[in-house]
Amino acid sequence: MQRKQGPMSKAVARYWIEFYGDIFTGTGLCTLCGNTGMIDTRQTAISPNKVNVGRLNFCICPNGQWKRKDYMKKEAKREKAT
């Protein structure tokens, strides 16, 4: 089941600024992804039972939201072409 992705969520952006924006480090970078827009937990998220549960995720920062939107557009074009 696919979820529809709308434009960048302002509520999510406000949440990100409040809790994960650069309020502590002074670098101007997202403290979750370093402004790459992606969070890769494939090698680091391991359950207590040693099951690798990581994956490559879009970050909730504005860069991640735009990357997700771009990805969804490309996927829709690919589906339309087939």
PDB file of N, CA and C in Angstrom:
ATOM      1  N   MET A   1       0.836  -1.175   0.000  1.00  0.00           N
ATOM      2  CA  MET A   1       0.000   0.000   0.000  1.00  0.00           C
ATOM      3  C   MET A   1       0.886   1.246   0.000  1.00  0.00           C
ATOM      4  N   GLN A   2       0.657   2.133  -0.952  1.00  0.00           N
ATOM      5  CA  GLN A   2       1.445   3.343  -1.047  1.00  0.00           C
ATOM      6  C   GLN A   2       0.720   4.513  -0.414  1.00  0.00           C
ATOM      7  N   ARG A   3       1.487   5.356   0.244  1.00  0.00           N
ATOM      8  CA  ARG A   3       0.926   6.586   0.786  1.00  0.00           C
ATOM      9  C   ARG A   3       1.212   7.707  -0.187  1.00  0.00           C
ATOM     10  N   LYS A   4       0.288   8.621  -0.311  1.00  0.00           N
ATOM     11  CA  LYS A   4       0.516   9.776  -1.166  1.00  0.00           C
ATOM     12  C   LYS A   4       1.389  10.761  -0.407  1.00  0.00           C
ATOM     13  N   GLN A   5       2.332  11.351  -1.115  1.00  0.00           N
ATOM     14  CA  GLN A   5       3.202  12.355  -0.533  1.00  0.00           C
ATOM     15  C   GLN A   5       2.810  13.716  -1.069  1.00  0.00           C
ATOM     16  N   GLY A   6       2.517  14.607  -0.198  1.00  0.00           N
ATOM     17  CA  GLY A   6       2.214  15.965  -0.600  1.00  0.00           C
ATOM     18  C   GLY A   6       3.470  16.814  -0.575  1.00  0.00           C
ATOM     19  N   PRO A   7       3.298  18.124  -0.661  1.00  0.00           N
ATOM     20  CA  PRO A   7       4.452  19.018  -0.579  1.00  0.00           C
ATOM     21  C   PRO A   7       5.063  18.968   0.822  1.00  0.00           C
ATOM     22  N   MET A   8       6.154  19.657   0.993  1.00  0.00           N
ATOM     23  CA  MET A   8       6.861  19.629   2.269  1.00  0.00           C
ATOM     24  C   MET A   8       5.914  19.999   3.408  1.00  0.00           C
ATOM     25  N   SER A   9       5.946  19.217   4.446  1.00  0.00           N
ATOM     26  CA  SER A   9       5.082  19.438   5.597  1.00  0.00           C
ATOM     27  C   SER A   9       5.666  20.525   6.495  1.00  0.00           C
ATOM     28  N   LYS A  10       4.932  21.591   6.655  1.00  0.00           N
ATOM     29  CA  LYS A  10       5.394  22.669   7.525  1.00  0.00           C
ATOM     30  C   LYS A  10       5.421  22.236   8.982  1.00  0.00           C
ATOM     31  N   ALA A  11       4.478  21.386   9.375  1.00  0.00           N
ATOM     32  CA  ALA A  11       4.460  20.895  10.759  1.00  0.00           C
ATOM     33  C   ALA A  11       5.716  20.076  11.046  1.00  0.00           C
ATOM     34  N   VAL A  12       6.098  19.237  10.106  1.00  0.00           N
ATOM     35  CA  VAL A  12       7.308  18.424  10.285  1.00  0.00           C
ATOM     36  C   VAL A  12       8.532  19.337  10.304  1.00  0.00           C
ATOM     37  N   ALA A  13       8.559  20.330   9.427  1.00  0.00           N
ATOM     38  CA  ALA A  13       9.686  21.265   9.400  1.00  0.00           C
ATOM     39  C   ALA A  13       9.809  22.015  10.723  1.00  0.00           C
ATOM     40  N   ARG A  14       8.685  22.435  11.296  1.00  0.00           N
ATOM     41  CA  ARG A  14       8.720  23.114  12.607  1.00  0.00           C
ATOM     42  C   ARG A  14       9.224  22.176  13.698  1.00  0.00           C
ATOM     43  N   TYR A  15       8.764  20.923  13.656  1.00  0.00           N
ATOM     44  CA  TYR A  15       9.224  19.925  14.629  1.00  0.00           C
ATOM     45  C   TYR A  15      10.724  19.719  14.490  1.00  0.00           C
ATOM     46  N   TRP A  16      11.184  19.609  13.247  1.00  0.00           N
ATOM     47  CA  TRP A  16      12.618  19.411  12.997  1.00  0.00           C
ATOM     48  C   TRP A  16      13.427  20.580  13.556  1.00  0.00           C
ATOM     49  N   ILE A  17      12.968  21.820  13.275  1.00  0.00           N
ATOM     50  CA  ILE A  17      13.685  22.995  13.773  1.00  0.00           C
ATOM     51  C   ILE A  17      13.754  22.978  15.293  1.00  0.00           C
ATOM     52  N   GLU A  18      12.652  22.624  15.922  1.00  0.00           N
ATOM     53  CA  GLU A  18      12.578  22.628  17.390  1.00  0.00           C
ATOM     54  C   GLU A  18      13.518  21.607  18.023  1.00  0.00           C
ATOM     55  N   PHE A  19      13.580  20.402  17.438  1.00  0.00           N
ATOM     56  CA  PHE A  19      14.315  19.327  18.104  1.00  0.00           C
ATOM     57  C   PHE A  19      15.601  18.880  17.413  1.00  0.00           C
ATOM     58  N   TYR A  20      15.727  19.073  16.116  1.00  0.00           N
ATOM     59  CA  TYR A  20      16.887  18.539  15.399  1.00  0.00           C
ATOM     60  C   TYR A  20      17.621  19.562  14.551  1.00  0.00           C
ATOM     61  N   GLY A  21      17.110  20.778  14.495  1.00  0.00           N
ATOM     62  CA  GLY A  21      17.817  21.832  13.786  1.00  0.00           C
ATOM     63  C   GLY A  21      19.074  22.188  14.554  1.00  0.00           C
ATOM     64  N   ASP A  22      19.880  22.997  13.977  1.00  0.00           N
ATOM     65  CA  ASP A  22      21.183  23.303  14.558  1.00  0.00           C
ATOM     66  C   ASP A  22      21.085  24.330  15.682  1.00  0.00           C
ATOM     67  N   ILE A  23      20.543  23.903  16.796  1.00  0.00           N
ATOM     68  CA  ILE A  23      20.475  24.815  17.934  1.00  0.00           C
ATOM     69  C   ILE A  23      21.604  24.580  18.934  1.00  0.00           C
ATOM     70  N   PHE A  24      22.274  23.440  18.819  1.00  0.00           N
ATOM     71  CA  PHE A  24      23.315  23.108  19.787  1.00  0.00           C
ATOM     72  C   PHE A  24      24.727  23.172  19.211  1.00  0.00           C
ATOM     73  N   THR A  25      24.897  22.822  17.959  1.00  0.00           N
ATOM     74  CA  THR A  25      26.253  22.690  17.422  1.00  0.00           C
ATOM     75  C   THR A  25      26.786  23.951  16.768  1.00  0.00           C
ATOM     76  N   GLY A  26      25.922  24.830  16.263  1.00  0.00           N
ATOM     77  CA  GLY A  26      26.379  26.053  15.625  1.00  0.00           C
ATOM     78  C   GLY A  26      26.924  25.864  14.220  1.00  0.00           C
ATOM     79  N   THR A  27      26.743  24.678  13.630  1.00  0.00           N
ATOM     80  CA  THR A  27      27.280  24.411  12.297  1.00  0.00           C
ATOM     81  C   THR A  27      26.330  24.791  11.179  1.00  0.00           C
ATOM     82  N   GLY A  28      25.054  24.954  11.468  1.00  0.00           N
ATOM     83  CA  GLY A  28      24.058  25.228  10.437  1.00  0.00           C
ATOM     84  C   GLY A  28      23.600  23.977   9.722  1.00  0.00           C
ATOM     85  N   LEU A  29      23.955  22.804  10.232  1.00  0.00           N
ATOM     86  CA  LEU A  29      23.610  21.532   9.598  1.00  0.00           C
ATOM     87  C   LEU A  29      22.525  20.798  10.371  1.00  0.00           C
ATOM     88  N   CYS A  30      21.787  19.952   9.665  1.00  0.00           N
ATOM     89  CA  CYS A  30      20.817  19.080  10.323  1.00  0.00           C
ATOM     90  C   CYS A  30      21.584  18.125  11.230  1.00  0.00           C
ATOM     91  N   THR A  31      21.143  18.002  12.468  1.00  0.00           N
ATOM     92  CA  THR A  31      21.846  17.124  13.403  1.00  0.00           C
ATOM     93  C   THR A  31      21.488  15.654  13.215  1.00  0.00           C
ATOM     94  N   LEU A  32      20.522  15.354  12.335  1.00  0.00           N
ATOM     95  CA  LEU A  32      20.178  13.961  12.039  1.00  0.00           C
ATOM     96  C   LEU A  32      20.968  13.431  10.838  1.00  0.00           C
ATOM     97  N   CYS A  33      21.033  14.228   9.765  1.00  0.00           N
ATOM     98  CA  CYS A  33      21.624  13.721   8.517  1.00  0.00           C
ATOM     99  C   CYS A  33      22.813  14.529   8.022  1.00  0.00           C
ATOM    100  N   GLY A  34      23.141  15.635   8.676  1.00  0.00           N
ATOM    101  CA  GLY A  34      24.244  16.467   8.206  1.00  0.00           C
ATOM    102  C   GLY A  34      23.931  17.189   6.902  1.00  0.00           C
ATOM    103  N   ASN A  35      22.661  17.408   6.636  1.00  0.00           N
ATOM    104  CA  ASN A  35      22.148  18.081   5.439  1.00  0.00           C
ATOM    105  C   ASN A  35      22.212  17.238   4.179  1.00  0.00           C
ATOM    106  N   THR A  36      22.390  15.935   4.301  1.00  0.00           N
ATOM    107  CA  THR A  36      22.358  15.083   3.118  1.00  0.00           C
ATOM    108  C   THR A  36      20.927  14.751   2.724  1.00  0.00           C
ATOM    109  N   GLY A  37      19.997  14.844   3.682  1.00  0.00           N
ATOM    110  CA  GLY A  37      18.612  14.490   3.424  1.00  0.00           C
ATOM    111  C   GLY A  37      18.332  13.014   3.600  1.00  0.00           C
ATOM    112  N   MET A  38      19.357  12.228   3.912  1.00  0.00           N
ATOM    113  CA  MET A  38      19.204  10.777   4.059  1.00  0.00           C
ATOM    114  C   MET A  38      19.807  10.323   5.384  1.00  0.00           C
ATOM    115  N   ILE A  39      19.149   9.344   6.001  1.00  0.00           N
ATOM    116  CA  ILE A  39      19.668   8.728   7.227  1.00  0.00           C
ATOM    117  C   ILE A  39      19.846   7.244   6.934  1.00  0.00           C
ATOM    118  N   ASP A  40      21.071   6.787   7.035  1.00  0.00           N
ATOM    119  CA  ASP A  40      21.400   5.395   6.709  1.00  0.00           C
ATOM    120  C   ASP A  40      21.679   4.622   7.990  1.00  0.00           C
ATOM    121  N   THR A  41      20.740   3.751   8.372  1.00  0.00           N
ATOM    122  CA  THR A  41      20.915   2.947   9.584  1.00  0.00           C
ATOM    123  C   THR A  41      21.133   1.471   9.252  1.00  0.00           C
ATOM    124  N   ARG A  42      21.479   1.188   7.990  1.00  0.00           N
ATOM    125  CA  ARG A  42      21.610  -0.209   7.553  1.00  0.00           C
ATOM    126  C   ARG A  42      22.698  -0.972   8.300  1.00  0.00           C
ATOM    127  N   GLN A  43      23.721  -0.280   8.753  1.00  0.00           N
ATOM    128  CA  GLN A  43      24.797  -0.957   9.471  1.00  0.00           C
ATOM    129  C   GLN A  43      24.750  -0.744  10.983  1.00  0.00           C
ATOM    130  N   THR A  44      23.862   0.128  11.435  1.00  0.00           N
ATOM    131  CA  THR A  44      23.888   0.489  12.852  1.00  0.00           C
ATOM    132  C   THR A  44      22.644   0.121  13.649  1.00  0.00           C
ATOM    133  N   ALA A  45      21.519  -0.079  12.997  1.00  0.00           N
ATOM    134  CA  ALA A  45      20.279  -0.398  13.718  1.00  0.00           C
ATOM    135  C   ALA A  45      20.135  -1.911  13.832  1.00  0.00           C
ATOM    136  N   ILE A  46      20.480  -2.413  14.998  1.00  0.00           N
ATOM    137  CA  ILE A  46      20.441  -3.860  15.240  1.00  0.00           C
ATOM    138  C   ILE A  46      19.652  -4.108  16.518  1.00  0.00           C
ATOM    139  N   SER A  47      18.670  -4.995  16.432  1.00  0.00           N
ATOM    140  CA  SER A  47      17.807  -5.270  17.582  1.00  0.00           C
ATOM    141  C   SER A  47      18.579  -6.025  18.665  1.00  0.00           C
ATOM    142  N   PRO A  48      18.020  -6.101  19.872  1.00  0.00           N
ATOM    143  CA  PRO A  48      18.670  -6.881  20.940  1.00  0.00           C
ATOM    144  C   PRO A  48      18.866  -8.357  20.559  1.00  0.00           C
ATOM    145  N   ASN A  49      18.036  -8.855  19.637  1.00  0.00           N
ATOM    146  CA  ASN A  49      18.191 -10.248  19.186  1.00  0.00           C
ATOM    147  C   ASN A  49      19.133 -10.372  17.993  1.00  0.00           C
ATOM    148  N   LYS A  50      19.903  -9.304  17.725  1.00  0.00           N
ATOM    149  CA  LYS A  50      20.908  -9.283  16.656  1.00  0.00           C
ATOM    150  C   LYS A  50      20.300  -9.312  15.253  1.00  0.00           C
ATOM    151  N   VAL A  51      19.094  -8.798  15.102  1.00  0.00           N
ATOM    152  CA  VAL A  51      18.465  -8.705  13.789  1.00  0.00           C
ATOM    153  C   VAL A  51      18.737  -7.304  13.243  1.00  0.00           C
ATOM    154  N   ASN A  52      19.288  -7.250  12.034  1.00  0.00           N
ATOM    155  CA  ASN A  52      19.552  -5.962  11.413  1.00  0.00           C
ATOM    156  C   ASN A  52      18.226  -5.373  10.934  1.00  0.00           C
ATOM    157  N   VAL A  53      17.828  -4.274  11.529  1.00  0.00           N
ATOM    158  CA  VAL A  53      16.547  -3.648  11.192  1.00  0.00           C
ATOM    159  C   VAL A  53      16.729  -2.290  10.513  1.00  0.00           C
ATOM    160  N   GLY A  54      17.953  -1.966  10.174  1.00  0.00           N
ATOM    161  CA  GLY A  54      18.228  -0.677   9.563  1.00  0.00           C
ATOM    162  C   GLY A  54      17.783  -0.590   8.121  1.00  0.00           C
ATOM    163  N   ARG A  55      17.699   0.639   7.647  1.00  0.00           N
ATOM    164  CA  ARG A  55      17.386   0.892   6.251  1.00  0.00           C
ATOM    165  C   ARG A  55      17.821   2.313   5.897  1.00  0.00           C
ATOM    166  N   LEU A  56      17.740   2.627   4.625  1.00  0.00           N
ATOM    167  CA  LEU A  56      18.045   3.972   4.147  1.00  0.00           C
ATOM    168  C   LEU A  56      16.743   4.763   4.155  1.00  0.00           C
ATOM    169  N   ASN A  57      16.708   5.839   4.929  1.00  0.00           N
ATOM    170  CA  ASN A  57      15.491   6.625   5.125  1.00  0.00           C
ATOM    171  C   ASN A  57      15.692   8.074   4.694  1.00  0.00           C
ATOM    172  N   PHE A  58      14.618   8.696   4.279  1.00  0.00           N
ATOM    173  CA  PHE A  58      14.649  10.136   4.060  1.00  0.00           C
ATOM    174  C   PHE A  58      14.591  10.803   5.427  1.00  0.00           C
ATOM    175  N   CYS A  59      15.379  11.847   5.598  1.00  0.00           N
ATOM    176  CA  CYS A  59      15.368  12.601   6.853  1.00  0.00           C
ATOM    177  C   CYS A  59      14.107  13.460   6.902  1.00  0.00           C
ATOM    178  N   ILE A  60      13.772  13.957   8.092  1.00  0.00           N
ATOM    179  CA  ILE A  60      12.610  14.835   8.241  1.00  0.00           C
ATOM    180  C   ILE A  60      12.969  16.299   8.016  1.00  0.00           C
ATOM    181  N   CYS A  61      14.250  16.588   7.790  1.00  0.00           N
ATOM    182  CA  CYS A  61      14.671  17.966   7.540  1.00  0.00           C
ATOM    183  C   CYS A  61      14.152  18.420   6.169  1.00  0.00           C
ATOM    184  N   PRO A  62      14.205  19.709   5.875  1.00  0.00           N
ATOM    185  CA  PRO A  62      13.740  20.176   4.566  1.00  0.00           C
ATOM    186  C   PRO A  62      14.429  19.473   3.391  1.00  0.00           C
ATOM    187  N   ASN A  63      15.729  19.204   3.483  1.00  0.00           N
ATOM    188  CA  ASN A  63      16.416  18.493   2.395  1.00  0.00           C
ATOM    189  C   ASN A  63      15.829  17.099   2.205  1.00  0.00           C
ATOM    190  N   GLY A  64      15.582  16.396   3.293  1.00  0.00           N
ATOM    191  CA  GLY A  64      14.999  15.060   3.208  1.00  0.00           C
ATOM    192  C   GLY A  64      13.589  15.080   2.650  1.00  0.00           C
ATOM    193  N   GLN A  65      12.818  16.077   3.037  1.00  0.00           N
ATOM    194  CA  GLN A  65      11.455  16.177   2.522  1.00  0.00           C
ATOM    195  C   GLN A  65      11.466  16.445   1.017  1.00  0.00           C
ATOM    196  N   TRP A  66      12.372  17.295   0.553  1.00  0.00           N
ATOM    197  CA  TRP A  66      12.460  17.561  -0.882  1.00  0.00           C
ATOM    198  C   TRP A  66      12.975  16.339  -1.637  1.00  0.00           C
ATOM    199  N   LYS A  67      13.926  15.623  -1.040  1.00  0.00           N
ATOM    200  CA  LYS A  67      14.409  14.392  -1.694  1.00  0.00           C
ATOM    201  C   LYS A  67      13.289  13.367  -1.808  1.00  0.00           C
ATOM    202  N   ARG A  68      12.477  13.233  -0.771  1.00  0.00           N
ATOM    203  CA  ARG A  68      11.346  12.306  -0.807  1.00  0.00           C
ATOM    204  C   ARG A  68      10.356  12.718  -1.902  1.00  0.00           C
ATOM    205  N   LYS A  69      10.063  14.005  -1.981  1.00  0.00           N
ATOM    206  CA  LYS A  69       9.136  14.505  -2.994  1.00  0.00           C
ATOM    207  C   LYS A  69       9.676  14.209  -4.392  1.00  0.00           C
ATOM    208  N   ASP A  70      10.961  14.453  -4.621  1.00  0.00           N
ATOM    209  CA  ASP A  70      11.578  14.178  -5.919  1.00  0.00           C
ATOM    210  C   ASP A  70      11.538  12.686  -6.236  1.00  0.00           C
ATOM    211  N   TYR A  71      11.821  11.866  -5.246  1.00  0.00           N
ATOM    212  CA  TYR A  71      11.782  10.411  -5.423  1.00  0.00           C
ATOM    213  C   TYR A  71      10.380   9.951  -5.808  1.00  0.00           C
ATOM    214  N   MET A  72       9.377  10.489  -5.128  1.00  0.00           N
ATOM    215  CA  MET A  72       7.996  10.102  -5.417  1.00  0.00           C
ATOM    216  C   MET A  72       7.590  10.509  -6.837  1.00  0.00           C
ATOM    217  N   LYS A  73       8.050  11.675  -7.291  1.00  0.00           N
ATOM    218  CA  LYS A  73       7.767  12.104  -8.661  1.00  0.00           C
ATOM    219  C   LYS A  73       8.384  11.131  -9.669  1.00  0.00           C
ATOM    220  N   LYS A  74       9.632  10.762  -9.427  1.00  0.00           N
ATOM    221  CA  LYS A  74      10.320   9.833 -10.336  1.00  0.00           C
ATOM    222  C   LYS A  74       9.649   8.473 -10.340  1.00  0.00           C
ATOM    223  N   GLU A  75       9.221   8.003  -9.182  1.00  0.00           N
ATOM    224  CA  GLU A  75       8.512   6.720  -9.105  1.00  0.00           C
ATOM    225  C   GLU A  75       7.193   6.758  -9.859  1.00  0.00           C
ATOM    226  N   ALA A  76       6.474   7.870  -9.744  1.00  0.00           N
ATOM    227  CA  ALA A  76       5.195   8.009 -10.447  1.00  0.00           C
ATOM    228  C   ALA A  76       5.421   7.998 -11.959  1.00  0.00           C
ATOM    229  N   LYS A  77       6.480   8.649 -12.423  1.00  0.00           N
ATOM    230  CA  LYS A  77       6.797   8.645 -13.852  1.00  0.00           C
ATOM    231  C   LYS A  77       7.150   7.243 -14.320  1.00  0.00           C
ATOM    232  N   ARG A  78       7.920   6.528 -13.512  1.00  0.00           N
ATOM    233  CA  ARG A  78       8.310   5.152 -13.854  1.00  0.00           C
ATOM    234  C   ARG A  78       7.092   4.249 -13.947  1.00  0.00           C
ATOM    235  N   GLU A  79       6.189   4.379 -12.985  1.00  0.00           N
ATOM    236  CA  GLU A  79       4.964   3.566 -12.995  1.00  0.00           C
ATOM    237  C   GLU A  79       4.084   3.895 -14.204  1.00  0.00           C
ATOM    238  N   LYS A  80       4.034   5.167 -14.547  1.00  0.00           N
ATOM    239  CA  LYS A  80       3.225   5.603 -15.690  1.00  0.00           C
ATOM    240  C   LYS A  80       3.807   5.056 -16.992  1.00  0.00           C
ATOM    241  N   ALA A  81       5.129   4.960 -17.059  1.00  0.00           N
ATOM    242  CA  ALA A  81       5.806   4.486 -18.280  1.00  0.00           C
ATOM    243  C   ALA A  81       5.614   2.973 -18.496  1.00  0.00           C
ATOM    244  N   THR A  82       5.305   2.235 -17.451  1.00  0.00           N
ATOM    245  CA  THR A  82       5.163   0.784 -17.595  1.00  0.00           C
ATOM    246  C   THR A  82       3.732   0.367 -17.840  1.00  0.00           C
TER     247      THR A  82
END
